[in-house]
Amino acid sequence: MTAVPGTIGGTAGSDRALRWMRRNGAALLIYAIVVVFVVVASILSPTFRDVSNLMDVLRQSTVLGLVTIGQLFVMLAGGIDMSVGMIARVVGLGIAVAMTTLGVPPLAAIPLALLAGTLIGLANGVVVARFSAQPFIATLGMMGILYGVALAISNGPTKMVPIVMLSIYDTSFGPVPAAVIAMAVIWALAWWILRATRFGRGIYAVGGSPKVARLAGLGGERIIMATYAISGLVSAAGGIFLIARSGVGNPNMAIGLEFQSIVAAAIGGISLYGGRGSVVGALGAVILISVISNLFDLFQISAYYQDLTLGLIVVLAVAIHRKDGAR
């Protein structure tokens, strides 16, 4: 008599475990690949497994991590943001020029930079949501506009920014960089927003089925505009970290960030068609890309091969998520 309930309970438990594995398969695969890369790299290179190098890998992932958060919010809502790298570049250049040429103190320049990024992102959102523009074309247009703005701000490297800006990137608490702690907090906040708030659930709903979300009164246009504003905000934060890392503004900084952020979101399980994916998987993908970049540097492999690798990963991600887009 007691064996039957136990068997039923065991079967139900197995079914739940299988469903959980299916839902989180992409994230589990990413972290498994990260572990494999770390183990193999640690065997091949004693330098890689040094604690200071591992912490540096995480610190260098800060900029990509921030930009990817914005990209995944936009992609979950069914869009894409090709302007994230240029937002980081323009904001980085702007804050560098403001501090070195105009004498604006960092405490004032940083909030203004974040506001500027948010407004640029909001402009993208308005064009996409209110004018029904195709997200790729709209944000590609913004990318072109910002490229011109970046050259107008400075056509060469700026002067060295105040030393207090460098501390944003260099400060550590024990072996853990402050930038890594800040990124962990921001990722945790993004996870909470998407999983525990009505706004987060609305993002998934809009990305999964805009018509159903509209009929449910979720305010699809406002949600879309908000996701692009978030993307602009965190991209601006990424630009600030770039300046804190290099100490100077450069009109060629943040090259490829838009591509890398899409790669990170896609291979992390964010559907390229919206409505599906997890923050946890995207974070694992950011770490994976940062580990690969560090390995290429340690073994002195050309960056061209890194771009080739990321391109192949994108093609694979599109193939994996193709069925998700067949509505």
Foldseek 3Di string as FASTA:
>chain_A
DVVVVVVVVVVVVVVVVVVVCVQQVLLVVLLVVLVVLLVVCVVVDVVCPPLLNLLVLLLVLLLLLLLLLLQLLLQQLFAGALQLLLLLQLLLLVLQCCCQPVVDDPVVSLVVLLVVLLVLLLVLLCCCQVVVDHRVVSNVVVNVVSLVSSVVSDVFKGDFGDPVLLCQRVPADVSHHPSSVVSVVVLVVSQCCLPPHLLNVLSLVNLLPVVVSVVVVVPSSVSNSNSSSSSSNSSSVSSSSVCSNPRIRGSPPSPCSSLLSVLLQLSLWRASSHNGGHSSSSVSSSSVLSSVVSSCVVVVPDCVVSVVVSVVSVVVSCVVRVVVNPD
